[in-house]
């Protein structure tokens, strides 16, 4: 993972110098993607024993939070009479 810092540093240097913008973006995004994959690869997940009721509650709460999040991403109508001034 330490060797990935070299292309990242070169890419950032090229971005700030303004030269070879396409290569700089390729180096930065490629290094960041590889670092992300490396971090995800090192994560170890273990599931603790739980009851069916607790598992169902977790799933419902996660789904409700996701639904509220996606609902908030929708646009607002700017029609007269909607209280939108």
Protein backbone atom coordinates (compact mmCIF):
# COMPACT_ATOMS: atom_id res chain seq x y z
CA UNK A 1 0.00 0.00 0.00
CA UNK A 2 2.92 2.34 0.60
CA UNK A 3 4.03 2.06 -3.02
CA UNK A 4 0.65 3.44 -4.11
CA UNK A 5 1.57 6.77 -2.54
CA UNK A 6 4.23 7.37 -5.20
CA UNK A 7 1.83 7.55 -8.20
CA UNK A 8 -0.65 9.45 -6.04
CA UNK A 9 2.00 12.03 -5.15
CA UNK A 10 3.10 12.33 -8.78
CA UNK A 11 -0.51 12.77 -9.89
CA UNK A 12 -1.21 15.46 -7.30
CA UNK A 13 2.00 17.25 -8.27
CA UNK A 14 1.00 17.18 -11.94
CA UNK A 15 -2.51 18.42 -11.08
CA UNK A 16 -1.16 21.42 -9.20
CA UNK A 17 1.40 22.21 -11.89
CA UNK A 18 -1.30 22.17 -14.56
CA UNK A 19 0.69 19.94 -16.91
CA UNK A 20 -0.50 16.61 -18.31
CA UNK A 21 -3.97 16.97 -16.81
CA UNK A 22 -5.27 13.71 -18.31
CA UNK A 23 -2.35 11.68 -16.94
CA UNK A 24 -2.62 13.42 -13.58
CA UNK A 25 -6.31 12.54 -13.27
CA UNK A 26 -5.57 8.95 -14.29
CA UNK A 27 -2.83 8.63 -11.67
CA UNK A 28 -4.87 10.21 -8.87
CA UNK A 29 -8.11 8.31 -9.53
CA UNK A 30 -6.32 5.03 -10.20
CA UNK A 31 -4.31 5.32 -6.99
CA UNK A 32 -7.37 6.26 -4.94
CA UNK A 33 -9.39 3.38 -6.39
CA UNK A 34 -6.59 0.91 -5.67
CA UNK A 35 -6.22 2.24 -2.12
CA UNK A 36 -9.98 1.89 -1.61
CA UNK A 37 -9.93 -1.70 -2.84
CA UNK A 38 -6.97 -2.43 -0.56
CA UNK A 39 -8.76 -1.01 2.47
CA UNK A 40 -11.95 -2.92 1.68
CA UNK A 41 -9.91 -6.08 1.17
CA UNK A 42 -8.41 -5.80 4.66
CA UNK A 43 -11.76 -5.43 6.47
CA UNK A 44 -12.87 -8.50 8.35
CA UNK A 45 -16.61 -8.79 9.02
CA UNK A 46 -18.06 -11.07 11.67
CA UNK A 47 -21.74 -11.35 12.48
CA UNK A 48 -22.74 -11.71 16.09
CA UNK A 49 -25.56 -14.10 16.95
CA UNK A 50 -28.84 -12.21 17.23
CA UNK A 51 -32.55 -12.86 17.50
CA UNK A 52 -34.89 -12.75 14.54
CA UNK A 53 -36.73 -9.78 16.09
CA UNK A 54 -33.54 -7.72 16.41
CA UNK A 55 -32.46 -8.60 12.86
CA UNK A 56 -35.87 -7.62 11.45
CA UNK A 57 -35.72 -4.33 13.40
CA UNK A 58 -32.25 -3.58 11.98
CA UNK A 59 -33.36 -4.28 8.42
CA UNK A 60 -36.55 -2.19 8.74
CA UNK A 61 -34.66 0.77 10.24
CA UNK A 62 -31.96 0.66 7.56
CA UNK A 63 -34.60 0.46 4.81
CA UNK A 64 -36.61 3.31 6.35
CA UNK A 65 -33.50 5.49 6.59
CA UNK A 66 -32.58 4.73 2.98
CA UNK A 67 -36.12 5.53 1.84
CA UNK A 68 -36.07 8.87 3.66
CA UNK A 69 -32.67 9.66 2.20
CA UNK A 70 -33.79 8.92 -1.37
CA UNK A 71 -37.01 10.85 -0.80
CA UNK A 72 -35.01 13.91 0.24
CA UNK A 73 -33.03 13.74 -3.02
CA UNK A 74 -36.21 14.39 -5.03
CA UNK A 75 -36.81 17.85 -6.44
CA UNK A 76 -39.23 20.37 -5.05
CA UNK A 77 -42.14 21.69 -7.09
CA UNK A 78 -42.04 25.46 -7.47
CA UNK A 79 -45.73 25.82 -8.34
CA UNK A 80 -47.85 28.70 -6.98
CA UNK A 81 -49.99 27.68 -4.05
CA UNK A 82 -47.43 25.23 -2.70
CA UNK A 83 -46.25 27.69 -0.10
CA UNK A 84 -43.01 28.12 -2.01
CA UNK A 85 -43.42 31.89 -2.39
